[in-house]
Each structure stands twice: as C-alpha cells, then as structure tokens.
PDB file of N, CA and C in Angstrom:
ATOM      1  N   MET A   1      51.887  -4.793  63.338  1.00  0.00           N
ATOM      2  CA  MET A   1      52.815  -4.152  63.256  1.00  0.00           C
ATOM      3  C   MET A   1      53.799  -4.233  64.367  1.00  0.00           C
ATOM      4  N   GLU A   2      55.502  -3.756  64.163  1.00  0.00           N
ATOM      5  CA  GLU A   2      55.947  -3.628  65.297  1.00  0.00           C
ATOM      6  C   GLU A   2      57.111  -2.809  64.966  1.00  0.00           C
ATOM      7  N   HIS A   3      57.082  -2.275  65.995  1.00  0.00           N
ATOM      8  CA  HIS A   3      57.977  -1.100  65.983  1.00  0.00           C
ATOM      9  C   HIS A   3      58.926  -0.866  67.325  1.00  0.00           C
ATOM     10  N   THR A   4      60.056  -0.787  67.040  1.00  0.00           N
ATOM     11  CA  THR A   4      61.035  -0.970  68.002  1.00  0.00           C
ATOM     12  C   THR A   4      60.923  -0.504  69.887  1.00  0.00           C
ATOM     13  N   ILE A   5      61.833  -0.293  70.805  1.00  0.00           N
ATOM     14  CA  ILE A   5      61.022   0.106  72.085  1.00  0.00           C
ATOM     15  C   ILE A   5      61.896   1.577  72.063  1.00  0.00           C
ATOM     16  N   GLU A   6      62.645   1.302  71.071  1.00  0.00           N
ATOM     17  CA  GLU A   6      63.548   2.480  70.800  1.00  0.00           C
ATOM     18  C   GLU A   6      62.910   4.022  70.084  1.00  0.00           C
ATOM     19  N   LYS A   7      62.364   3.185  69.288  1.00  0.00           N
ATOM     20  CA  LYS A   7      61.056   4.120  68.219  1.00  0.00           C
ATOM     21  C   LYS A   7      59.805   4.178  69.480  1.00  0.00           C
ATOM     22  N   ILE A   8      59.449   4.189  70.045  1.00  0.00           N
ATOM     23  CA  ILE A   8      58.256   3.809  70.955  1.00  0.00           C
ATOM     24  C   ILE A   8      58.550   4.711  71.731  1.00  0.00           C
ATOM     25  N   GLU A   9      60.109   4.472  72.549  1.00  0.00           N
ATOM     26  CA  GLU A   9      59.689   5.486  73.800  1.00  0.00           C
ATOM     27  C   GLU A   9      60.093   7.288  72.681  1.00  0.00           C
ATOM     28  N   SER A  10      60.247   7.126  71.875  1.00  0.00           N
ATOM     29  CA  SER A  10      60.427   8.200  71.482  1.00  0.00           C
ATOM     30  C   SER A  10      59.631   9.162  70.750  1.00  0.00           C
ATOM     31  N   LYS A  11      58.181   9.008  70.832  1.00  0.00           N
ATOM     32  CA  LYS A  11      56.862   9.595  70.293  1.00  0.00           C
ATOM     33  C   LYS A  11      55.464   9.177  71.257  1.00  0.00           C
ATOM     34  N   PRO A  12      55.654   9.399  72.446  1.00  0.00           N
ATOM     35  CA  PRO A  12      54.436   8.738  73.166  1.00  0.00           C
ATOM     36  C   PRO A  12      52.640   9.231  73.015  1.00  0.00           C
ATOM     37  N   SER A  13      52.552  10.140  71.859  1.00  0.00           N
ATOM     38  CA  SER A  13      51.718  10.578  71.633  1.00  0.00           C
ATOM     39  C   SER A  13      51.301   9.556  69.885  1.00  0.00           C
ATOM     40  N   ASP A  14      51.553   8.566  69.474  1.00  0.00           N
ATOM     41  CA  ASP A  14      51.803   7.769  68.560  1.00  0.00           C
ATOM     42  C   ASP A  14      50.799   6.221  69.257  1.00  0.00           C
ATOM     43  N   TYR A  15      50.409   6.511  70.372  1.00  0.00           N
ATOM     44  CA  TYR A  15      50.409   5.116  71.197  1.00  0.00           C
ATOM     45  C   TYR A  15      49.205   5.108  72.344  1.00  0.00           C
ATOM     46  N   ILE A  16      49.153   3.941  72.458  1.00  0.00           N
ATOM     47  CA  ILE A  16      47.259   4.439  73.376  1.00  0.00           C
ATOM     48  C   ILE A  16      47.784   3.095  74.445  1.00  0.00           C
ATOM     49  N   LEU A  17      48.254   3.464  75.666  1.00  0.00           N
ATOM     50  CA  LEU A  17      47.637   2.748  76.632  1.00  0.00           C
ATOM     51  C   LEU A  17      46.546   1.677  77.123  1.00  0.00           C
ATOM     52  N   CYS A  18      46.205   0.493  76.825  1.00  0.00           N
ATOM     53  CA  CYS A  18      45.188  -0.102  77.008  1.00  0.00           C
ATOM     54  C   CYS A  18      44.808  -0.795  78.482  1.00  0.00           C
ATOM     55  N   SER A  19      43.517  -0.500  79.397  1.00  0.00           N
ATOM     56  CA  SER A  19      43.878  -0.431  80.535  1.00  0.00           C
ATOM     57  C   SER A  19      44.723  -2.066  80.743  1.00  0.00           C
ATOM     58  N   CYS A  20      45.043  -3.264  80.170  1.00  0.00           N
ATOM     59  CA  CYS A  20      45.773  -4.190  80.495  1.00  0.00           C
ATOM     60  C   CYS A  20      46.784  -3.941  80.573  1.00  0.00           C
ATOM     61  N   GLY A  21      47.197  -3.095  80.022  1.00  0.00           N
ATOM     62  CA  GLY A  21      48.604  -2.434  80.166  1.00  0.00           C
ATOM     63  C   GLY A  21      49.921  -3.040  78.397  1.00  0.00           C
ATOM     64  N   ARG A  22      48.826  -2.919  77.951  1.00  0.00           N
ATOM     65  CA  ARG A  22      49.471  -3.608  76.730  1.00  0.00           C
ATOM     66  C   ARG A  22      49.901  -2.441  76.281  1.00  0.00           C
ATOM     67  N   ILE A  23      50.786  -1.809  75.442  1.00  0.00           N
ATOM     68  CA  ILE A  23      50.695  -0.738  73.628  1.00  0.00           C
ATOM     69  C   ILE A  23      50.840  -1.244  73.163  1.00  0.00           C
ATOM     70  N   ASN A  24      49.908   0.326  72.152  1.00  0.00           N
ATOM     71  CA  ASN A  24      49.281   0.059  70.768  1.00  0.00           C
ATOM     72  C   ASN A  24      49.491   1.411  70.512  1.00  0.00           C
ATOM     73  N   TRP A  25      49.165   0.823  68.781  1.00  0.00           N
ATOM     74  CA  TRP A  25      49.723   2.148  67.856  1.00  0.00           C
ATOM     75  C   TRP A  25      48.248   3.274  67.857  1.00  0.00           C
ATOM     76  N   HIS A  26      48.283   4.001  67.825  1.00  0.00           N
ATOM     77  CA  HIS A  26      47.044   5.176  67.927  1.00  0.00           C
ATOM     78  C   HIS A  26      45.979   4.753  66.792  1.00  0.00           C
ATOM     79  N   GLU A  27      45.930   4.129  65.938  1.00  0.00           N
ATOM     80  CA  GLU A  27      44.822   4.321  64.964  1.00  0.00           C
ATOM     81  C   GLU A  27      44.299   2.290  64.866  1.00  0.00           C
ATOM     82  N   ARG A  28      44.591   2.170  66.125  1.00  0.00           N
ATOM     83  CA  ARG A  28      43.917   0.231  66.156  1.00  0.00           C
ATOM     84  C   ARG A  28      42.796   1.277  67.668  1.00  0.00           C
ATOM     85  N   THR A  29      41.887  -0.362  67.097  1.00  0.00           N
ATOM     86  CA  THR A  29      40.195   0.806  67.629  1.00  0.00           C
ATOM     87  C   THR A  29      40.875  -0.459  68.958  1.00  0.00           C
ATOM     88  N   HIS A  30      40.756  -1.462  68.921  1.00  0.00           N
ATOM     89  CA  HIS A  30      40.828  -2.938  69.688  1.00  0.00           C
ATOM     90  C   HIS A  30      42.497  -2.938  70.897  1.00  0.00           C
ATOM     91  N   CYS A  31      42.716  -3.724  71.353  1.00  0.00           N
ATOM     92  CA  CYS A  31      44.176  -4.231  71.544  1.00  0.00           C
ATOM     93  C   CYS A  31      44.618  -4.904  71.226  1.00  0.00           C
ATOM     94  N   VAL A  32      45.711  -4.880  70.691  1.00  0.00           N
ATOM     95  CA  VAL A  32      46.675  -6.056  70.492  1.00  0.00           C
ATOM     96  C   VAL A  32      46.091  -7.428  70.425  1.00  0.00           C
ATOM     97  N   ASP A  33      46.539  -7.267  71.886  1.00  0.00           N
ATOM     98  CA  ASP A  33      46.567  -8.413  73.137  1.00  0.00           C
ATOM     99  C   ASP A  33      45.032  -8.694  73.457  1.00  0.00           C
ATOM    100  N   CYS A  34      44.325  -8.052  74.670  1.00  0.00           N
ATOM    101  CA  CYS A  34      43.296  -8.286  74.850  1.00  0.00           C
ATOM    102  C   CYS A  34      41.829  -8.349  73.767  1.00  0.00           C
ATOM    103  N   ASN A  35      41.925  -7.352  72.921  1.00  0.00           N
ATOM    104  CA  ASN A  35      40.672  -7.123  72.340  1.00  0.00           C
ATOM    105  C   ASN A  35      39.961  -6.149  72.794  1.00  0.00           C
ATOM    106  N   GLU A  36      40.084  -5.820  73.899  1.00  0.00           N
ATOM    107  CA  GLU A  36      39.831  -4.390  75.099  1.00  0.00           C
ATOM    108  C   GLU A  36      39.442  -3.125  73.504  1.00  0.00           C
ATOM    109  N   LEU A  37      38.094  -2.266  73.432  1.00  0.00           N
ATOM    110  CA  LEU A  37      38.327  -1.541  73.003  1.00  0.00           C
ATOM    111  C   LEU A  37      38.980  -0.416  73.337  1.00  0.00           C
ATOM    112  N   LEU A  38      40.089   0.567  72.557  1.00  0.00           N
ATOM    113  CA  LEU A  38      40.826   1.393  73.442  1.00  0.00           C
ATOM    114  C   LEU A  38      39.751   3.070  73.238  1.00  0.00           C
ATOM    115  N   SER A  39      40.787   3.392  74.129  1.00  0.00           N
ATOM    116  CA  SER A  39      40.365   5.001  74.098  1.00  0.00           C
ATOM    117  C   SER A  39      40.706   5.637  72.894  1.00  0.00           C
ATOM    118  N   LEU A  40      40.595   7.186  72.743  1.00  0.00           N
ATOM    119  CA  LEU A  40      40.936   7.906  72.351  1.00  0.00           C
ATOM    120  C   LEU A  40      42.303   8.506  72.402  1.00  0.00           C
ATOM    121  N   GLU A  41      42.729   9.203  73.757  1.00  0.00           N
ATOM    122  CA  GLU A  41      43.351   9.288  74.197  1.00  0.00           C
ATOM    123  C   GLU A  41      45.183   8.769  74.174  1.00  0.00           C
ATOM    124  N   THR A  42      46.112   9.496  73.552  1.00  0.00           N
ATOM    125  CA  THR A  42      47.127   8.802  73.531  1.00  0.00           C
ATOM    126  C   THR A  42      47.759   8.436  74.861  1.00  0.00           C
ATOM    127  N   MET A  43      48.936   8.327  75.069  1.00  0.00           N
ATOM    128  CA  MET A  43      49.686   8.175  76.066  1.00  0.00           C
ATOM    129  C   MET A  43      50.444   9.542  76.244  1.00  0.00           C
ATOM    130  N   SER A  44      50.468  10.096  77.655  1.00  0.00           N
ATOM    131  CA  SER A  44      51.359  10.869  78.339  1.00  0.00           C
ATOM    132  C   SER A  44      52.816  10.399  78.466  1.00  0.00           C
ATOM    133  N   GLU A  45      53.789  12.066  78.280  1.00  0.00           N
ATOM    134  CA  GLU A  45      55.337  11.677  78.776  1.00  0.00           C
ATOM    135  C   GLU A  45      55.553  10.652  80.137  1.00  0.00           C
ATOM    136  N   GLU A  46      54.380  11.239  80.711  1.00  0.00           N
ATOM    137  CA  GLU A  46      54.293  10.311  82.292  1.00  0.00           C
ATOM    138  C   GLU A  46      54.257   8.432  82.242  1.00  0.00           C
ATOM    139  N   GLN A  47      53.118   8.633  81.460  1.00  0.00           N
ATOM    140  CA  GLN A  47      52.926   6.845  81.119  1.00  0.00           C
ATOM    141  C   GLN A  47      54.110   6.203  80.067  1.00  0.00           C
ATOM    142  N   MET A  48      54.812   6.983  79.543  1.00  0.00           N
ATOM    143  CA  MET A  48      55.333   6.289  78.449  1.00  0.00           C
ATOM    144  C   MET A  48      56.844   5.938  79.380  1.00  0.00           C
ATOM    145  N   GLU A  49      56.613   7.566  80.044  1.00  0.00           N
ATOM    146  CA  GLU A  49      58.144   6.946  80.857  1.00  0.00           C
ATOM    147  C   GLU A  49      57.923   5.730  81.524  1.00  0.00           C
ATOM    148  N   MET A  50      57.095   5.690  82.099  1.00  0.00           N
ATOM    149  CA  MET A  50      56.399   4.298  83.368  1.00  0.00           C
ATOM    150  C   MET A  50      56.171   3.153  82.512  1.00  0.00           C
ATOM    151  N   TRP A  51      55.838   2.664  81.339  1.00  0.00           N
ATOM    152  CA  TRP A  51      55.561   2.063  80.251  1.00  0.00           C
ATOM    153  C   TRP A  51      57.594   2.198  79.731  1.00  0.00           C
ATOM    154  N   TYR A  52      58.203   2.540  79.588  1.00  0.00           N
ATOM    155  CA  TYR A  52      59.215   2.316  79.574  1.00  0.00           C
ATOM    156  C   TYR A  52      60.662   1.806  80.624  1.00  0.00           C
ATOM    157  N   ASN A  53      60.463   2.648  81.474  1.00  0.00           N
ATOM    158  CA  ASN A  53      61.010   1.749  82.480  1.00  0.00           C
ATOM    159  C   ASN A  53      60.769   0.384  82.880  1.00  0.00           C
ATOM    160  N   GLU A  54      59.574   0.275  82.629  1.00  0.00           N
ATOM    161  CA  GLU A  54      58.877  -1.436  83.045  1.00  0.00           C
ATOM    162  C   GLU A  54      59.904  -2.286  82.413  1.00  0.00           C
ATOM    163  N   GLU A  55      59.345  -1.711  80.989  1.00  0.00           N
ATOM    164  CA  GLU A  55      60.124  -2.626  79.624  1.00  0.00           C
ATOM    165  C   GLU A  55      61.608  -2.489  79.674  1.00  0.00           C
ATOM    166  N   TYR A  56      61.848  -1.622  79.954  1.00  0.00           N
ATOM    167  CA  TYR A  56      63.858  -1.529  80.111  1.00  0.00           C
ATOM    168  C   TYR A  56      64.012  -2.836  81.584  1.00  0.00           C
ATOM    169  N   ASP A  57      63.539  -2.518  82.158  1.00  0.00           N
ATOM    170  CA  ASP A  57      64.127  -2.628  83.643  1.00  0.00           C
ATOM    171  C   ASP A  57      63.461  -4.789  83.465  1.00  0.00           C
ATOM    172  N   PHE A  58      62.919  -4.869  82.569  1.00  0.00           N
ATOM    173  CA  PHE A  58      62.325  -6.567  82.188  1.00  0.00           C
ATOM    174  C   PHE A  58      63.684  -6.675  82.075  1.00  0.00           C
ATOM    175  N   TRP A  59      64.124  -6.174  80.036  1.00  0.00           N
ATOM    176  CA  TRP A  59      65.040  -6.768  79.688  1.00  0.00           C
ATOM    177  C   TRP A  59      66.270  -6.892  80.225  1.00  0.00           C
ATOM    178  N   LYS A  60      66.697  -5.703  81.420  1.00  0.00           N
ATOM    179  CA  LYS A  60      67.564  -5.967  81.685  1.00  0.00           C
ATOM    180  C   LYS A  60      68.334  -6.739  82.641  1.00  0.00           C
ATOM    181  N   PHE A  61      66.514  -7.501  83.421  1.00  0.00           N
ATOM    182  CA  PHE A  61      67.077  -8.271  84.281  1.00  0.00           C
ATOM    183  C   PHE A  61      67.459  -9.741  83.719  1.00  0.00           C
ATOM    184  N   GLU A  62      66.452  -9.489  81.866  1.00  0.00           N
ATOM    185  CA  GLU A  62      67.346 -10.710  81.095  1.00  0.00           C
ATOM    186  C   GLU A  62      68.452 -10.732  81.016  1.00  0.00           C
ATOM    187  N   GLY A  63      69.516  -9.707  80.781  1.00  0.00           N
ATOM    188  CA  GLY A  63      70.498  -9.925  80.657  1.00  0.00           C
ATOM    189  C   GLY A  63      70.553  -9.193  79.128  1.00  0.00           C
ATOM    190  N   TYR A  64      70.474  -8.277  78.970  1.00  0.00           N
ATOM    191  CA  TYR A  64      70.680  -7.994  77.960  1.00  0.00           C
ATOM    192  C   TYR A  64      71.403  -6.522  78.120  1.00  0.00           C
ATOM    193  N   ILE A  65      72.174  -5.453  77.458  1.00  0.00           N
ATOM    194  CA  ILE A  65      71.780  -4.493  77.071  1.00  0.00           C
ATOM    195  C   ILE A  65      71.917  -3.159  76.855  1.00  0.00           C
ATOM    196  N   ASP A  66      71.831  -2.475  76.801  1.00  0.00           N
ATOM    197  CA  ASP A  66      70.755  -0.841  75.992  1.00  0.00           C
ATOM    198  C   ASP A  66      70.926  -0.718  75.154  1.00  0.00           C
ATOM    199  N   LYS A  67      71.737  -1.297  73.931  1.00  0.00           N
ATOM    200  CA  LYS A  67      71.455  -0.966  72.486  1.00  0.00           C
ATOM    201  C   LYS A  67      70.932  -2.244  71.979  1.00  0.00           C
ATOM    202  N   GLU A  68      70.590  -3.585  73.370  1.00  0.00           N
ATOM    203  CA  GLU A  68      69.659  -4.678  72.387  1.00  0.00           C
ATOM    204  C   GLU A  68      68.174  -4.418  73.440  1.00  0.00           C
ATOM    205  N   ILE A  69      68.285  -3.822  74.461  1.00  0.00           N
ATOM    206  CA  ILE A  69      66.991  -3.171  74.897  1.00  0.00           C
ATOM    207  C   ILE A  69      66.492  -2.922  73.839  1.00  0.00           C
ATOM    208  N   ASN A  70      67.227  -1.452  73.789  1.00  0.00           N
ATOM    209  CA  ASN A  70      66.597  -0.489  72.498  1.00  0.00           C
ATOM    210  C   ASN A  70      66.092  -0.918  71.258  1.00  0.00           C
ATOM    211  N   ASN A  71      66.132  -1.849  70.471  1.00  0.00           N
ATOM    212  CA  ASN A  71      66.088  -2.846  69.058  1.00  0.00           C
ATOM    213  C   ASN A  71      65.364  -4.323  69.659  1.00  0.00           C
ATOM    214  N   ILE A  72      64.797  -4.429  70.831  1.00  0.00           N
ATOM    215  CA  ILE A  72      63.557  -4.992  70.465  1.00  0.00           C
ATOM    216  C   ILE A  72      62.528  -5.085  69.833  1.00  0.00           C
ATOM    217  N   ASN A  73      61.447  -5.467  69.227  1.00  0.00           N
ATOM    218  CA  ASN A  73      60.384  -5.448  68.510  1.00  0.00           C
ATOM    219  C   ASN A  73      59.418  -5.238  69.146  1.00  0.00           C
ATOM    220  N   ILE A  74      58.468  -4.206  69.146  1.00  0.00           N
ATOM    221  CA  ILE A  74      57.349  -4.467  70.428  1.00  0.00           C
ATOM    222  C   ILE A  74      56.255  -5.016  69.193  1.00  0.00           C
ATOM    223  N   GLU A  75      54.958  -6.441  69.206  1.00  0.00           N
ATOM    224  CA  GLU A  75      53.978  -6.071  68.524  1.00  0.00           C
ATOM    225  C   GLU A  75      52.782  -4.851  69.138  1.00  0.00           C
ATOM    226  N   ILE A  76      52.007  -3.748  68.180  1.00  0.00           N
ATOM    227  CA  ILE A  76      51.492  -2.418  68.433  1.00  0.00           C
ATOM    228  C   ILE A  76      50.289  -2.645  67.622  1.00  0.00           C
TER     229      ILE A  76
END
C-alpha cells in the first residue's frame, strides 16, 4: 500500500514508526522494510513532525518543489 507524504503527514494516528525509522500503516504487524514486529503505539504529533521534516529536507535537497514533495508516494 502507498500513501502520499501529504496524506501521511495529515494523520499521525494512522501510522506506526518502526525502530528502523520506517513508517508503517497502523494495521501492519511487521515493518514493511525490516520485517520487525511493530508495537501497537501509533505516531505522536512530535514523531510525525520529525519524520516529515526529515523526508521534506531529503527531497528538497534532491531539488523537488513543495508540491512535488507532498505528492511523493511512500510504501507503508
């Protein structure tokens, strides 16, 4: 499943952050990237802000504009 960065950022309670740093859909039991067992705790506003800022900074450095960044799909 994929969601845009904009959609992910808008609702932290739908996502879980794995210890590897990968964001996952709240219904997953294992991380989409490292296959680690996920906790049931969804992301806080602060965690989401940190995740979003890291993603934004990466894509901005790559030369993307804001509209393009918000429409990037992330596997969750």
